[in-house]
Amino acid sequence: MFQKTRKHRFSQFFINGLSQNSPGNQKTNWKSNRRPNYRLKVKMVMRRVDLRSDTVTKPTETMRAAMASAEVDDDVLGHDPTAARLETEMARIMGKEAALFVPSGTMANLICVLTHCEIRGSEVIIGDNSHIHIYENGGISTIGGVHPRTVKNNEDGTMDIDLIEAAIRDPAFEICYPTTRLICLENSHAHSGGRCLSVEYTDEVGELAKKHGLKLHIDGARIFNASIALGVPLHRLVQAADSVTACLSKGLGAPVGTIIAGSKSFIAKAKILRKTLGGGMRQVGVLCAAALVALEENVSKLEGDHRKAKILAEGLNKIKGLKVDMASVQTNIVYFDILKGSNFTGNSPMQDSRSAWCNNNARRAIQT
């Protein structure tokens, strides 16, 4: 993944000065017939490129200045003007009636699931490789009493429509089964290498949800990346969803925060749950100011991130013992496999590199 701060992205070569046998700071007469008694030493300097995640970004100077001068008030009471401005802007971008700023994507997804599934024992249909199911500590179950009904994720992050429909519980057997109330999608799909769900697919799932009286939630942690990669306006991409989240601290580069968007009545309930979960903050405009800068300055840079991800993937694919599925590199995530029989062993430098995680024989990202 690529950071929004673009310093030291690639290795550089430079002249490292004179060797120890050089005359130091003495001036050299380059026109002299006498050959100078020194040698130039060329050194390759490897600069560390941190590709663990797009969450390791640092606020830009513009963001820091905006944070320092942000107009603030108590957002728990609904009076912070900068938070209100961000929420209004994000609701407009996402084509929804209202929006709410929360501290994290995990809390945002939890709030959305709990708002849609108000009755304990409700069931949500969700991908078996989705972020909500794998990486959010089981919060929908432990806190909300919501039962996850998993459907196999395909390699592209989708779930087969017929499998989703087959997973919907028959209301006639409610005495035995949980009640299906929600379907969740993830776009882009992190575990599938950042692949994007098409607007046509999302619309089809939305129609299925309506047919059965269910709600549709989109975990849009990287929804801006999906919108850019697909060439589809964000509001159109999430049109079928009853709720959607968008992370501000990943590719957009803001330091903190996720936005929830939905109807006014949905956001009103979500705001209460935010308080219940400890997510209400006071002078939160300090954080929202950075997010506003991110929307203004960094959305247009995502296309460049995607382009660099492809360059990285192509380079990794040329290394003997590594393999990248190039079809999976659609946004800013690159997965590569270490092939069996390769020279990358437990004693190799690859083993010493830090990574966001390792999954069996696959690495998500590296720090060289």
Protein backbone atom coordinates (compact mmCIF):
# COMPACT_ATOMS: atom_id res chain seq x y z
CA MET A 1 0.00 0.00 0.00
CA PHE A 2 1.15 3.51 -0.56
CA GLN A 3 1.40 6.40 1.83
CA LYS A 4 0.06 9.81 1.00
CA THR A 5 3.38 11.39 2.03
CA ARG A 6 5.56 10.80 -0.95
CA LYS A 7 9.11 11.10 0.42
CA HIS A 8 11.82 8.55 -0.43
CA ARG A 9 9.55 6.30 -2.46
CA PHE A 10 12.31 4.58 -4.38
CA SER A 11 15.98 3.71 -3.91
CA GLN A 12 18.38 6.43 -5.01
CA PHE A 13 21.96 6.54 -6.26
CA PHE A 14 24.29 9.39 -5.46
CA ILE A 15 27.95 10.36 -5.22
CA ASN A 16 28.97 9.78 -1.62
CA GLY A 17 31.88 12.19 -1.72
CA LEU A 18 35.58 11.38 -1.75
CA SER A 19 37.38 8.37 -0.33
CA GLN A 20 39.51 8.57 2.81
CA ASN A 21 42.58 9.08 0.64
CA SER A 22 41.21 12.32 -0.79
CA PRO A 23 42.60 15.72 0.10
CA GLY A 24 39.56 16.54 2.22
CA ASN A 25 38.34 20.09 1.96
CA GLN A 26 41.31 21.29 -0.09
CA LYS A 27 40.45 22.90 -3.41
CA THR A 28 41.37 20.84 -6.43
CA ASN A 29 42.77 22.37 -9.59
CA TRP A 30 40.77 20.39 -12.16
CA LYS A 31 42.78 22.00 -15.01
CA SER A 32 46.13 20.81 -13.65
CA ASN A 33 48.12 18.39 -15.77
CA ARG A 34 48.86 16.47 -12.62
CA ARG A 35 46.36 13.72 -11.91
CA PRO A 36 44.67 14.22 -8.49
CA ASN A 37 45.40 11.54 -5.90
CA TYR A 38 41.85 10.51 -5.06
CA ARG A 39 39.07 8.25 -6.18
CA LEU A 40 35.36 8.87 -6.34
CA LYS A 41 33.43 6.28 -4.39
CA VAL A 42 29.96 5.53 -5.72
CA LYS A 43 27.64 4.07 -3.15
CA MET A 44 24.14 2.74 -3.56
CA VAL A 45 21.95 3.88 -0.70
CA MET A 46 18.80 1.88 -0.03
CA ARG A 47 16.08 4.02 1.41
CA ARG A 48 13.47 2.31 3.52
CA VAL A 49 10.04 2.23 1.88
CA ASP A 50 7.28 1.48 4.36
CA LEU A 51 4.53 -0.43 2.56
CA ARG A 52 2.95 -2.10 5.57
CA SER A 53 -0.34 -0.29 5.14
CA ASP A 54 -1.95 2.90 3.91
CA THR A 55 -2.72 3.58 7.58
CA VAL A 56 0.87 4.60 8.38
CA THR A 57 0.53 7.98 6.71
CA LYS A 58 1.59 11.21 8.42
CA PRO A 59 -0.45 14.43 8.37
CA THR A 60 0.77 16.93 5.79
CA GLU A 61 1.82 20.44 6.77
CA THR A 62 -1.46 21.72 5.32
CA MET A 63 -3.37 19.30 7.54
CA ARG A 64 -1.40 20.33 10.62
CA ALA A 65 -2.07 23.99 9.92
CA ALA A 66 -5.78 23.32 9.45
CA MET A 67 -5.89 21.36 12.70
CA ALA A 68 -4.18 24.17 14.59
CA SER A 69 -6.63 26.79 13.34
CA ALA A 70 -9.81 24.67 13.34
CA GLU A 71 -12.98 26.23 14.70
CA VAL A 72 -14.24 23.86 17.39
CA ASP A 73 -17.00 23.28 19.91
CA ASP A 74 -18.54 20.31 21.73
CA ASP A 75 -19.45 17.71 19.11
CA VAL A 76 -21.17 15.40 21.61
CA LEU A 77 -23.69 18.21 21.97
CA GLY A 78 -23.71 18.64 18.19
CA HIS A 79 -22.11 22.10 18.18
CA ASP A 80 -18.72 21.57 16.52
CA PRO A 81 -18.85 23.57 13.25
CA THR A 82 -15.89 21.86 11.58
CA ALA A 83 -17.32 18.40 12.27
CA ALA A 84 -20.66 19.55 10.88
CA ARG A 85 -18.96 20.85 7.74
CA LEU A 86 -17.16 17.54 7.18
CA GLU A 87 -20.32 15.51 7.75
CA THR A 88 -22.31 17.69 5.35
CA GLU A 89 -19.62 17.41 2.68
CA MET A 90 -19.32 13.64 3.03
CA ALA A 91 -23.09 13.18 2.89
CA ARG A 92 -23.06 15.15 -0.37
CA ILE A 93 -20.18 13.15 -1.85
CA MET A 94 -21.84 9.85 -0.94
CA GLY A 95 -25.31 10.90 -2.03
CA LYS A 96 -26.90 10.27 1.37
CA GLU A 97 -29.09 12.44 3.58
CA ALA A 98 -26.71 12.65 6.52
CA ALA A 99 -23.32 11.55 7.82
CA LEU A 100 -21.55 11.02 11.13
CA PHE A 101 -17.86 11.21 12.10
CA VAL A 102 -16.59 8.35 14.28
CA PRO A 103 -13.08 7.50 15.52
CA SER A 104 -12.47 4.30 13.54
CA GLY A 105 -13.69 2.02 10.78
CA THR A 106 -14.23 -0.86 13.20
CA MET A 107 -16.53 1.28 15.33
CA ALA A 108 -18.26 2.58 12.22
CA ASN A 109 -19.08 -0.90 10.95
CA LEU A 110 -20.18 -2.01 14.41
CA ILE A 111 -22.51 0.98 14.73
CA CYS A 112 -24.02 0.31 11.31
CA VAL A 113 -24.63 -3.39 11.96
CA LEU A 114 -26.13 -2.68 15.39
CA THR A 115 -28.35 0.09 14.03
CA HIS A 116 -29.75 -2.17 11.32
CA CYS A 117 -30.01 -5.16 13.69
CA GLU A 118 -31.61 -3.55 16.72
CA ILE A 119 -33.04 -6.84 17.99
CA ARG A 120 -30.49 -9.18 19.57
CA GLY A 121 -30.32 -12.49 17.77
CA SER A 122 -30.59 -10.86 14.36
CA GLU A 123 -28.45 -12.26 11.58
CA VAL A 124 -26.19 -10.57 9.04
CA ILE A 125 -25.07 -12.20 5.78
CA ILE A 126 -21.41 -11.46 5.31
CA GLY A 127 -18.41 -12.66 3.30
CA ASP A 128 -16.21 -15.27 4.93
CA ASN A 129 -13.13 -13.18 4.09
CA SER A 130 -14.65 -9.81 4.92
CA HIS A 131 -12.94 -7.37 7.26
CA ILE A 132 -15.97 -7.24 9.57
CA HIS A 133 -15.95 -11.01 9.97
CA ILE A 134 -12.20 -11.58 10.36
CA TYR A 135 -10.52 -8.43 11.65
CA GLU A 136 -13.00 -6.63 13.90
CA ASN A 137 -12.72 -8.81 16.99
CA GLY A 138 -16.19 -10.33 16.64
CA GLY A 139 -17.75 -7.13 17.90
CA ILE A 140 -21.09 -7.62 16.17
CA SER A 141 -21.54 -10.81 18.22
CA THR A 142 -19.86 -9.97 21.51
CA ILE A 143 -21.35 -6.50 21.82
CA GLY A 144 -24.43 -6.56 19.60
CA GLY A 145 -25.62 -10.14 19.86
CA VAL A 146 -25.74 -10.30 16.06
CA HIS A 147 -25.13 -13.66 14.40
CA PRO A 148 -22.85 -13.73 11.32
CA ARG A 149 -24.00 -15.98 8.48
CA THR A 150 -20.98 -16.31 6.20
CA VAL A 151 -21.05 -16.79 2.45
CA LYS A 152 -17.91 -17.70 0.52
CA ASN A 153 -16.09 -14.73 -0.97
CA ASN A 154 -14.93 -15.26 -4.54
CA GLU A 155 -11.41 -14.21 -5.53
CA ASP A 156 -12.76 -10.84 -6.69
CA GLY A 157 -14.42 -10.13 -3.34
CA THR A 158 -17.96 -10.79 -4.52
CA MET A 159 -20.37 -13.37 -3.13
CA ASP A 160 -22.51 -15.34 -5.56
CA ILE A 161 -26.01 -13.85 -5.66
CA ASP A 162 -27.66 -17.27 -5.47
CA LEU A 163 -25.60 -18.15 -2.39
CA ILE A 164 -26.58 -14.90 -0.70
CA GLU A 165 -30.23 -15.61 -1.39
CA ALA A 166 -29.89 -19.19 -0.16
CA ALA A 167 -28.43 -17.88 3.11
CA ILE A 168 -31.49 -15.75 3.88
CA ARG A 169 -33.50 -17.44 6.63
CA ASP A 170 -37.08 -18.48 6.03
CA PRO A 171 -39.25 -16.31 8.33
CA ALA A 172 -41.61 -19.26 8.76
CA PHE A 173 -38.93 -20.96 10.88
CA GLU A 174 -38.12 -17.91 13.01
CA ILE A 175 -38.79 -19.98 16.11
CA CYS A 176 -35.62 -21.95 15.33
CA TYR A 177 -33.41 -19.63 13.31
CA PRO A 178 -31.99 -16.14 13.73
CA THR A 179 -33.82 -13.51 11.67
CA THR A 180 -31.89 -12.24 8.66
CA ARG A 181 -31.92 -8.44 8.65
CA LEU A 182 -28.79 -7.27 6.84
CA ILE A 183 -26.36 -8.00 3.99
CA CYS A 184 -22.83 -6.57 4.14
CA LEU A 185 -20.45 -5.94 1.23
CA GLU A 186 -16.88 -4.62 1.27
CA ASN A 187 -15.58 -2.31 -1.47
CA SER A 188 -12.73 -2.37 -2.25
CA HIS A 189 -12.20 -5.85 -0.82
CA ALA A 190 -8.98 -5.89 1.18
CA HIS A 191 -8.58 -9.65 1.59
CA SER A 192 -9.01 -10.06 -2.18
CA GLY A 193 -6.11 -7.74 -2.90
CA GLY A 194 -8.06 -4.50 -3.11
CA ARG A 195 -10.35 -5.64 -5.91
CA CYS A 196 -13.42 -3.54 -6.61
CA LEU A 197 -17.08 -4.55 -6.64
CA SER A 198 -18.77 -3.17 -9.73
CA VAL A 199 -21.74 -0.86 -9.49
CA GLU A 200 -23.80 -3.44 -11.40
CA TYR A 201 -23.02 -6.12 -8.82
CA THR A 202 -23.76 -3.77 -5.92
CA ASP A 203 -27.08 -2.80 -7.50
CA GLU A 204 -27.98 -6.47 -7.92
CA VAL A 205 -27.30 -7.19 -4.25
CA GLY A 206 -29.32 -4.11 -3.35
CA GLU A 207 -32.29 -5.38 -5.36
CA LEU A 208 -32.02 -8.75 -3.64
CA ALA A 209 -32.03 -7.07 -0.24
CA LYS A 210 -35.15 -5.07 -1.10
CA LYS A 211 -36.88 -8.17 -2.43
CA HIS A 212 -36.51 -9.83 0.98
CA GLY A 213 -37.03 -6.74 3.12
CA LEU A 214 -33.39 -6.57 4.18
CA LYS A 215 -30.92 -3.70 4.50
CA LEU A 216 -27.60 -3.38 2.67
CA HIS A 217 -24.45 -2.03 4.32
CA ILE A 218 -21.19 -1.34 2.48
CA ASP A 219 -17.91 -1.38 4.38
CA GLY A 220 -16.25 1.29 2.28
CA ALA A 221 -12.96 1.62 4.13
CA ARG A 222 -11.35 2.16 0.70
CA ILE A 223 -14.46 3.16 -1.22
CA PHE A 224 -12.67 6.21 -2.65
CA ASN A 225 -10.07 3.86 -4.15
CA ALA A 226 -12.83 1.74 -5.66
CA SER A 227 -14.56 4.79 -7.11
CA ILE A 228 -11.35 6.02 -8.74
CA ALA A 229 -10.37 2.59 -10.06
CA LEU A 230 -13.81 1.90 -11.54
CA GLY A 231 -14.30 5.42 -12.87
CA VAL A 232 -17.70 5.57 -11.15
CA PRO A 233 -18.78 8.55 -9.00
CA LEU A 234 -18.82 7.57 -5.37
CA HIS A 235 -22.47 8.47 -4.85
CA ARG A 236 -23.45 6.18 -7.73
CA LEU A 237 -21.27 3.34 -6.48
CA VAL A 238 -23.07 3.27 -3.09
CA GLN A 239 -26.51 4.25 -4.32
CA ALA A 240 -28.02 0.84 -3.49
CA ALA A 241 -26.72 0.87 0.09
CA ASP A 242 -28.76 1.85 3.13
CA SER A 243 -25.54 2.69 4.95
CA VAL A 244 -21.90 3.05 3.98
CA THR A 245 -18.64 3.77 5.78
CA ALA A 246 -15.59 5.55 4.35
CA CYS A 247 -12.23 5.64 6.10
CA LEU A 248 -10.42 8.98 6.12
CA SER A 249 -7.12 7.73 7.53
CA LYS A 250 -6.12 5.21 4.86
CA GLY A 251 -5.35 6.32 1.31
CA LEU A 252 -6.76 9.78 1.96
CA GLY A 253 -4.06 10.31 4.58
CA ALA A 254 -5.98 12.01 7.39
CA PRO A 255 -4.72 11.05 10.86
CA VAL A 256 -7.98 9.77 12.35
CA GLY A 257 -11.56 9.00 11.52
CA THR A 258 -14.25 7.27 9.51
CA ILE A 259 -17.52 8.59 8.17
CA ILE A 260 -20.87 6.79 8.30
CA ALA A 261 -23.47 7.92 5.76
CA GLY A 262 -27.15 7.05 5.47
CA SER A 263 -30.64 8.42 5.96
CA LYS A 264 -31.33 11.09 8.59
CA SER A 265 -33.22 8.61 10.78
CA PHE A 266 -30.40 6.07 10.49
CA ILE A 267 -27.73 8.61 11.44
CA ALA A 268 -29.81 9.79 14.41
CA LYS A 269 -29.79 6.23 15.78
CA ALA A 270 -26.12 5.80 14.88
CA LYS A 271 -25.23 8.91 16.86
CA ILE A 272 -26.76 7.40 19.99
CA LEU A 273 -24.80 4.18 19.49
CA ARG A 274 -21.62 6.19 18.94
CA LYS A 275 -22.11 7.66 22.41
CA THR A 276 -22.87 4.22 23.87
CA LEU A 277 -19.63 2.82 22.47
CA GLY A 278 -17.55 5.74 23.75
CA GLY A 279 -17.01 7.29 20.35
CA GLY A 280 -18.45 10.71 21.09
CA MET A 281 -15.66 13.30 21.27
CA ARG A 282 -15.68 16.93 22.29
CA GLN A 283 -13.61 19.36 20.18
CA VAL A 284 -13.36 16.86 17.33
CA GLY A 285 -13.11 19.62 14.74
CA VAL A 286 -9.34 19.41 15.20
CA LEU A 287 -9.48 15.98 13.52
CA CYS A 288 -12.21 16.85 11.04
CA ALA A 289 -10.17 19.79 9.75
CA ALA A 290 -7.44 17.39 8.59
CA ALA A 291 -10.06 15.20 6.92
CA LEU A 292 -11.41 18.19 4.98
CA VAL A 293 -7.90 18.87 3.68
CA ALA A 294 -7.61 15.19 2.70
CA LEU A 295 -10.81 15.42 0.66
CA GLU A 296 -9.59 18.55 -1.08
CA GLU A 297 -6.00 17.51 -1.78
CA ASN A 298 -5.64 13.74 -1.78
CA VAL A 299 -8.56 12.13 -3.60
CA SER A 300 -6.99 13.05 -6.92
CA LYS A 301 -3.72 11.36 -5.84
CA LEU A 302 -5.28 7.92 -5.44
CA GLU A 303 -4.95 7.18 -9.14
CA GLY A 304 -1.20 7.66 -8.79
CA ASP A 305 -1.16 5.25 -5.86
CA HIS A 306 -2.86 2.63 -8.02
CA ARG A 307 -0.36 3.19 -10.81
CA LYS A 308 2.59 2.78 -8.43
CA ALA A 309 1.03 -0.38 -6.98
CA LYS A 310 1.05 -1.90 -10.46
CA ILE A 311 4.69 -0.89 -10.95
CA LEU A 312 5.59 -2.54 -7.64
CA ALA A 313 3.62 -5.67 -8.52
CA GLU A 314 5.33 -5.94 -11.91
CA GLY A 315 8.72 -5.62 -10.25
CA LEU A 316 7.97 -8.23 -7.59
CA ASN A 317 6.68 -10.58 -10.27
CA LYS A 318 10.10 -10.50 -11.94
CA ILE A 319 11.86 -11.73 -8.81
CA LYS A 320 12.54 -15.44 -8.90
CA GLY A 321 10.61 -17.18 -6.14
CA LEU A 322 7.86 -14.56 -5.90
CA LYS A 323 4.54 -14.47 -7.69
CA VAL A 324 1.90 -11.74 -7.95
CA ASP A 325 -1.55 -12.22 -9.43
CA MET A 326 -1.51 -9.09 -11.58
CA ALA A 327 -5.27 -9.26 -12.15
CA SER A 328 -5.76 -8.64 -8.43
CA VAL A 329 -3.85 -5.34 -8.44
CA GLN A 330 -6.68 -2.91 -9.12
CA THR A 331 -6.14 -0.34 -6.38
CA ASN A 332 -3.41 0.28 -3.79
CA ILE A 333 -2.91 -3.21 -2.35
CA VAL A 334 -0.32 -5.73 -3.54
CA TYR A 335 -0.18 -9.34 -2.41
CA PHE A 336 2.60 -11.68 -3.40
CA ASP A 337 3.20 -15.37 -2.82
CA ILE A 338 6.51 -16.94 -1.88
CA LEU A 339 6.71 -20.00 -4.09
CA LYS A 340 7.68 -23.39 -2.74
CA GLY A 341 11.28 -24.23 -3.46
CA SER A 342 12.28 -20.57 -3.68
CA ASN A 343 15.44 -19.18 -2.11
CA PHE A 344 13.40 -17.13 0.36
CA THR A 345 13.80 -19.15 3.54
CA GLY A 346 13.67 -18.45 7.23
CA ASN A 347 17.26 -17.19 7.08
CA SER A 348 16.71 -14.86 4.15
CA PRO A 349 16.35 -11.06 4.39
CA MET A 350 12.70 -11.47 3.38
CA GLN A 351 12.07 -13.21 6.68
CA ASP A 352 13.46 -10.21 8.55
CA SER A 353 11.26 -7.69 6.79
CA ARG A 354 8.29 -6.35 8.69
CA SER A 355 4.87 -7.00 7.25
CA ALA A 356 1.32 -6.12 8.16
CA TRP A 357 0.68 -9.81 8.51
CA CYS A 358 1.63 -13.16 7.07
CA ASN A 359 -1.05 -15.61 6.01
CA ASN A 360 0.35 -19.09 5.47
CA ASN A 361 2.75 -18.60 2.56
CA ALA A 362 1.54 -15.15 1.49
CA ARG A 363 2.66 -11.70 2.56
CA ARG A 364 0.54 -8.62 2.33
CA ALA A 365 3.20 -5.92 2.14
CA ILE A 366 6.86 -5.48 2.93
CA GLN A 367 9.21 -2.95 4.43
CA THR A 368 12.55 -3.12 2.66
